Protein backbone atom coordinates (compact mmCIF):
# COMPACT_ATOMS: atom_id res chain seq x y z
CA MET A 1 -10.05 -9.88 -9.33
CA ASP A 2 -12.37 -12.70 -8.30
CA LYS A 3 -10.93 -15.86 -9.90
CA VAL A 4 -13.98 -17.98 -9.05
CA LYS A 5 -16.43 -15.45 -10.49
CA ILE A 6 -14.34 -15.03 -13.64
CA GLY A 7 -14.03 -18.79 -14.03
CA GLN A 8 -17.79 -19.30 -13.76
CA PHE A 9 -18.38 -16.54 -16.30
CA ILE A 10 -15.97 -18.17 -18.78
CA ALA A 11 -17.67 -21.54 -18.29
CA ASN A 12 -21.14 -20.04 -18.89
CA CYS A 13 -19.99 -18.16 -22.00
CA ARG A 14 -18.30 -21.29 -23.36
CA LYS A 15 -21.50 -23.30 -22.87
CA ASP A 16 -23.56 -20.54 -24.51
CA LYS A 17 -21.26 -20.92 -27.54
CA LYS A 18 -21.79 -24.69 -27.33
CA LEU A 19 -18.07 -25.30 -26.99
CA THR A 20 -16.40 -28.01 -24.92
CA GLN A 21 -13.37 -27.20 -22.81
CA GLU A 22 -11.27 -29.09 -25.35
CA GLN A 23 -12.67 -27.10 -28.29
CA LEU A 24 -12.05 -23.79 -26.51
CA ALA A 25 -8.51 -24.91 -25.69
CA GLU A 26 -7.85 -25.79 -29.33
CA LYS A 27 -9.01 -22.37 -30.51
CA LEU A 28 -6.60 -20.72 -28.07
CA ASN A 29 -3.78 -23.20 -28.70
CA ILE A 30 -3.58 -24.17 -25.04
CA SER A 31 -4.31 -27.32 -23.01
CA LYS A 32 -7.76 -28.43 -21.88
CA ASN A 33 -6.35 -28.54 -18.35
CA ALA A 34 -5.64 -24.79 -18.51
CA VAL A 35 -9.27 -24.07 -19.38
CA SER A 36 -10.42 -26.37 -16.59
CA LYS A 37 -8.28 -24.47 -14.06
CA TRP A 38 -9.73 -21.15 -15.17
CA GLU A 39 -13.30 -22.35 -14.86
CA ARG A 40 -12.70 -23.84 -11.43
CA GLY A 41 -11.23 -20.56 -10.22
CA ILE A 42 -7.81 -22.07 -9.55
CA CYS A 43 -5.92 -19.54 -11.62
CA LEU A 44 -6.36 -16.75 -14.17
CA MET A 45 -5.36 -16.87 -17.81
CA ASP A 46 -2.19 -15.26 -19.13
CA MET A 47 -2.97 -11.66 -20.03
CA SER A 48 -1.90 -12.33 -23.63
CA LEU A 49 -4.92 -14.65 -23.97
CA LEU A 50 -7.52 -12.11 -22.86
CA LYS A 51 -8.16 -10.63 -26.30
CA PRO A 52 -8.40 -13.92 -28.23
CA LEU A 53 -10.53 -15.43 -25.43
CA SER A 54 -12.92 -12.49 -25.56
CA GLU A 55 -13.23 -12.87 -29.33
CA VAL A 56 -13.97 -16.60 -29.11
CA LEU A 57 -16.57 -16.11 -26.38
CA GLY A 58 -18.10 -13.02 -27.99
CA VAL A 59 -17.66 -10.79 -24.93
CA SER A 60 -15.39 -7.91 -24.03
CA VAL A 61 -12.13 -8.05 -22.10
CA ASN A 62 -13.82 -5.92 -19.41
CA ASP A 63 -16.60 -8.50 -19.15
CA ILE A 64 -14.08 -11.29 -18.54
CA LEU A 65 -12.11 -9.34 -15.95
CA SER A 66 -15.34 -8.36 -14.17
CA GLY A 67 -16.76 -11.88 -14.33
CA GLU A 68 -20.03 -10.58 -15.72
CA LYS A 69 -21.57 -8.92 -18.75
CA ILE A 70 -21.26 -5.18 -18.21
CA PRO A 71 -23.95 -2.90 -19.76
CA GLU A 72 -22.60 -0.08 -21.92
CA ASP A 73 -23.58 2.64 -19.43
CA LYS A 74 -21.77 0.84 -16.63
CA ILE A 75 -18.64 0.54 -18.76
CA LYS A 76 -18.60 4.32 -19.03
CA ASP A 77 -19.13 4.63 -15.28
CA LYS A 78 -16.27 2.21 -14.57
CA SER A 79 -13.99 4.01 -16.98
CA GLU A 80 -14.72 7.30 -15.26
CA GLU A 81 -14.08 5.71 -11.87
CA VAL A 82 -10.72 4.36 -13.08
CA ARG A 83 -9.75 7.77 -14.45
CA ARG A 84 -10.72 9.40 -11.16
CA LYS A 85 -8.70 6.90 -9.12
CA ASN A 86 -5.68 7.29 -11.40
CA ALA A 87 -5.91 11.06 -11.07
CA MET A 88 -5.98 10.71 -7.27
CA LYS A 89 -2.92 8.46 -7.37
CA ASP A 90 -1.03 10.89 -9.58
CA GLU A 91 -1.90 13.80 -7.29
CA LYS A 92 -0.87 11.83 -4.20
CA SER A 93 2.43 10.88 -5.79
CA LYS A 94 3.20 14.49 -6.72
CA ILE A 95 2.40 15.80 -3.24
CA THR A 96 4.47 13.06 -1.62
CA ALA A 97 7.41 13.82 -3.93
CA ILE A 98 7.22 17.51 -2.99
CA ALA A 99 7.12 16.61 0.70
CA ILE A 100 10.11 14.27 0.37
CA GLU A 101 12.24 16.90 -1.34
CA LYS A 102 11.19 19.51 1.25
CA MET A 103 12.03 17.11 4.10
CA ILE A 104 15.45 16.36 2.64
CA ASP A 105 16.16 20.09 2.56
CA PHE A 106 14.79 20.48 6.10
CA TYR A 107 17.44 18.10 7.47
CA GLN A 108 20.25 20.25 6.04
CA GLY A 109 22.52 17.43 4.95
CA ASN A 110 22.06 15.16 7.98
CA LEU A 111 22.37 11.85 6.13
CA ARG A 112 21.22 9.73 9.04
CA ASP A 113 17.95 11.63 9.41
CA ILE A 114 17.40 11.72 5.64
CA GLU A 115 18.06 8.02 5.14
CA HIS A 116 15.93 7.13 8.17
CA PHE A 117 12.78 8.92 7.01
CA LEU A 118 13.19 7.64 3.45
CA LYS A 119 13.36 4.04 4.71
CA VAL A 120 10.35 4.52 6.97
CA TRP A 121 8.41 6.05 4.08
CA ALA A 122 9.35 3.13 1.78
CA TYR A 123 8.20 0.54 4.33
CA ALA A 124 5.00 2.47 5.08
CA LYS A 125 4.22 2.74 1.37
CA THR A 126 4.89 -0.97 0.84
CA ILE A 127 2.87 -2.19 3.82
CA GLY A 128 -0.03 0.17 3.09
CA GLU A 129 -0.27 -0.92 -0.53
CA GLN A 130 0.03 -4.60 0.39
CA GLU A 131 -2.77 -4.14 2.92
CA SER A 132 -4.95 -2.42 0.27
CA VAL A 133 -5.28 0.77 2.30
CA ASP A 134 -7.66 3.21 0.60
CA GLU A 135 -6.08 5.98 -1.46
CA ASN A 136 -6.91 8.82 0.93
CA THR A 137 -5.55 7.01 3.98
CA GLN A 138 -2.49 5.85 2.05
CA GLY A 139 -1.71 9.47 1.18
CA ILE A 140 -1.98 10.51 4.83
CA LEU A 141 0.17 7.55 5.88
CA GLU A 142 2.95 8.34 3.43
CA LEU A 143 3.06 12.03 4.34
CA ALA A 144 3.12 11.15 8.03
CA ALA A 145 6.03 8.76 7.36
CA VAL A 146 7.92 11.56 5.60
CA VAL A 147 7.61 13.98 8.53
CA HIS A 148 7.39 11.53 11.45
CA ASP A 149 10.79 12.55 12.91
CA ILE A 150 10.57 16.24 12.05
CA SER A 151 11.32 17.31 15.63
CA CYS A 152 14.60 15.36 15.93
CA PRO A 153 16.90 18.34 15.18
CA LEU A 154 15.02 20.51 17.69
CA CYS A 155 15.08 17.78 20.35
CA ARG A 156 18.83 17.28 19.98
CA GLU A 157 19.37 21.00 20.52
CA LYS A 158 16.80 21.42 23.31
CA TYR A 159 17.14 18.15 25.23
CA GLY A 160 20.39 16.65 24.00
CA ASN A 161 18.58 13.54 22.71
CA THR A 162 15.77 12.35 20.44
CA ASN A 163 13.68 10.63 23.09
CA GLY A 164 10.38 9.53 21.59
CA LYS A 165 8.18 11.36 24.08
CA ASN A 166 10.08 14.59 23.54
CA GLN A 167 9.59 14.17 19.80
CA GLU A 168 5.85 13.72 20.27
CA LEU A 169 5.73 16.80 22.48
CA GLU A 170 7.57 19.09 20.05
CA SER A 171 6.24 17.93 16.68
CA GLU A 172 2.85 19.63 16.23
CA PRO A 173 3.94 23.21 15.39
CA LEU A 174 6.71 21.92 13.13
CA VAL A 175 4.31 19.74 11.15
CA LYS A 176 1.82 22.61 10.80
CA GLU A 177 4.53 24.91 9.48
CA PHE A 178 5.86 22.22 7.13
CA PHE A 179 2.54 21.80 5.34
CA GLU A 180 1.69 25.50 5.09
CA GLY A 181 1.25 26.42 1.43
CA MET A 182 1.14 22.78 0.31
CA PRO A 183 -1.97 21.31 -1.36
CA VAL A 184 -2.89 19.20 1.66
CA SER A 185 -6.28 19.71 3.30
CA GLU A 186 -6.56 20.90 6.89
CA GLN A 187 -8.29 17.65 7.81
CA LYS A 188 -5.39 15.61 6.46
CA VAL A 189 -2.83 17.79 8.21
CA GLU A 190 -4.69 17.29 11.49
CA ARG A 191 -4.52 13.51 11.07
CA ILE A 192 -0.83 13.68 10.11
CA ILE A 193 -0.13 15.74 13.23
CA TRP A 194 -1.97 13.21 15.36
CA LEU A 195 0.04 10.32 13.87
CA VAL A 196 3.37 12.09 14.26
CA THR A 197 2.63 13.09 17.86
CA HIS A 198 1.77 9.46 18.72
CA HIS A 199 4.19 7.42 16.63
CA HIS A 200 6.22 6.35 19.69
CA THR A 201 3.09 5.27 21.57
CA TYR A 202 2.36 1.59 21.05
CA THR A 203 -0.94 1.40 22.94
CA ASN A 204 -4.50 2.19 21.85
CA ILE A 205 -3.49 2.20 18.20
CA ASP A 206 -6.31 3.88 16.30
CA GLY A 207 -6.53 3.24 12.56
CA ILE A 208 -4.62 1.36 9.88
CA ASP A 209 -2.47 4.42 9.09
CA TYR A 210 -1.30 4.53 12.73
CA GLN A 211 -0.63 0.77 12.77
CA VAL A 212 1.38 0.80 9.56
CA LEU A 213 3.42 3.85 10.61
CA ILE A 214 4.33 2.15 13.90
CA GLU A 215 5.41 -1.01 12.07
CA ALA A 216 7.40 0.83 9.40
CA ASP A 217 9.27 2.89 11.98
CA PHE A 218 10.03 -0.20 14.06
CA LEU A 219 11.46 -2.04 11.05
CA VAL A 220 13.95 0.77 10.46
CA ASN A 221 14.78 1.31 14.12
CA ALA A 222 15.35 -2.42 14.64
CA SER A 223 18.01 -2.37 11.95
CA GLU A 224 19.64 0.94 12.84
CA SER A 225 19.73 0.23 16.57
CA ASN A 226 20.53 -3.50 16.32
CA PHE A 227 17.55 -4.66 18.36
CA SER A 228 17.95 -8.11 19.89
CA LYS A 229 16.10 -11.09 18.47
CA VAL A 230 14.08 -11.29 21.70
CA SER A 231 12.97 -7.65 21.32
CA ILE A 232 11.96 -8.26 17.72
CA GLU A 233 10.02 -11.41 18.61
CA ASN A 234 8.23 -9.50 21.36
CA ALA A 235 7.36 -6.76 18.88
CA LYS A 236 5.97 -9.33 16.50
CA SER A 237 3.60 -10.68 19.13
CA ARG A 238 2.70 -7.39 20.80
CA ILE A 239 2.97 -4.63 18.17
CA PHE A 240 2.75 -6.00 14.64
CA LYS A 241 -0.77 -6.63 13.34
CA THR A 242 -0.68 -6.34 9.55
CA ALA A 243 0.11 -9.41 7.45
CA ALA A 244 2.54 -7.45 5.26
CA GLY A 245 4.34 -5.97 8.25
CA CYS A 246 4.73 -9.39 9.85
CA ARG A 247 6.09 -10.85 6.62
CA LEU A 248 8.68 -8.09 6.36
CA LEU A 249 9.70 -8.46 9.99
CA GLU A 250 10.17 -12.20 9.57
CA SER A 251 11.96 -11.89 6.24
CA ILE A 252 14.42 -9.28 7.51
CA PHE A 253 15.07 -10.33 11.11
CA LEU A 254 13.60 -13.75 11.92
CA ARG A 255 14.83 -16.08 9.21
CA GLU A 256 15.52 -19.61 10.36
CA GLU A 257 19.24 -20.36 10.31
């Protein structure tokens, strides 16, 4: 929400009603200073005041939150858009939950692998949401985080290790098979495959989903493998790009003593 735009709208509506800031404050049982802060865009009102404020100003709650008078037809359009976005979020959450349960079963009781992918998924979800990644890309990111280490069991058996490059080499057919029969489009699966087969490559990072996946995986690996402070500081300067990822890295590993 645009605090400045909302504040200007409140000020204009108050003046249209020929009310002073003090008079508006009295009607809402708050201080004049609170009204002044709203109108200057310093802060937003408490949500409990939205309804009484809208009644005093003679506008709708939607008008206040939008910072403008919304025509009736646009209100319907916005409501439909909100419903559509909520439906997309619900669908994404359901698909992700199915993938998580399937991945847990795939690892056949290997707690380390299960806990690792769940932590990477949680960090990826958090960073993506904090960075306001669009819903479609966020869904791809979270599914890629769920399956990012899908080739680890195979690599242990075939190579005796889980070297990152071996993982990237072996992952594609496993990811394809994993998503067969799931309600995930071919285009999304292709992007997920690309992310998984590059998630140990820290150069030429293409896209916010790739960047966030790299950061989320590093956060977990740094903890599980006890990376040195020097390595973490180097990663901060060379690998981490998102504001949310940097905050997490600093909060977890680089606190001042």
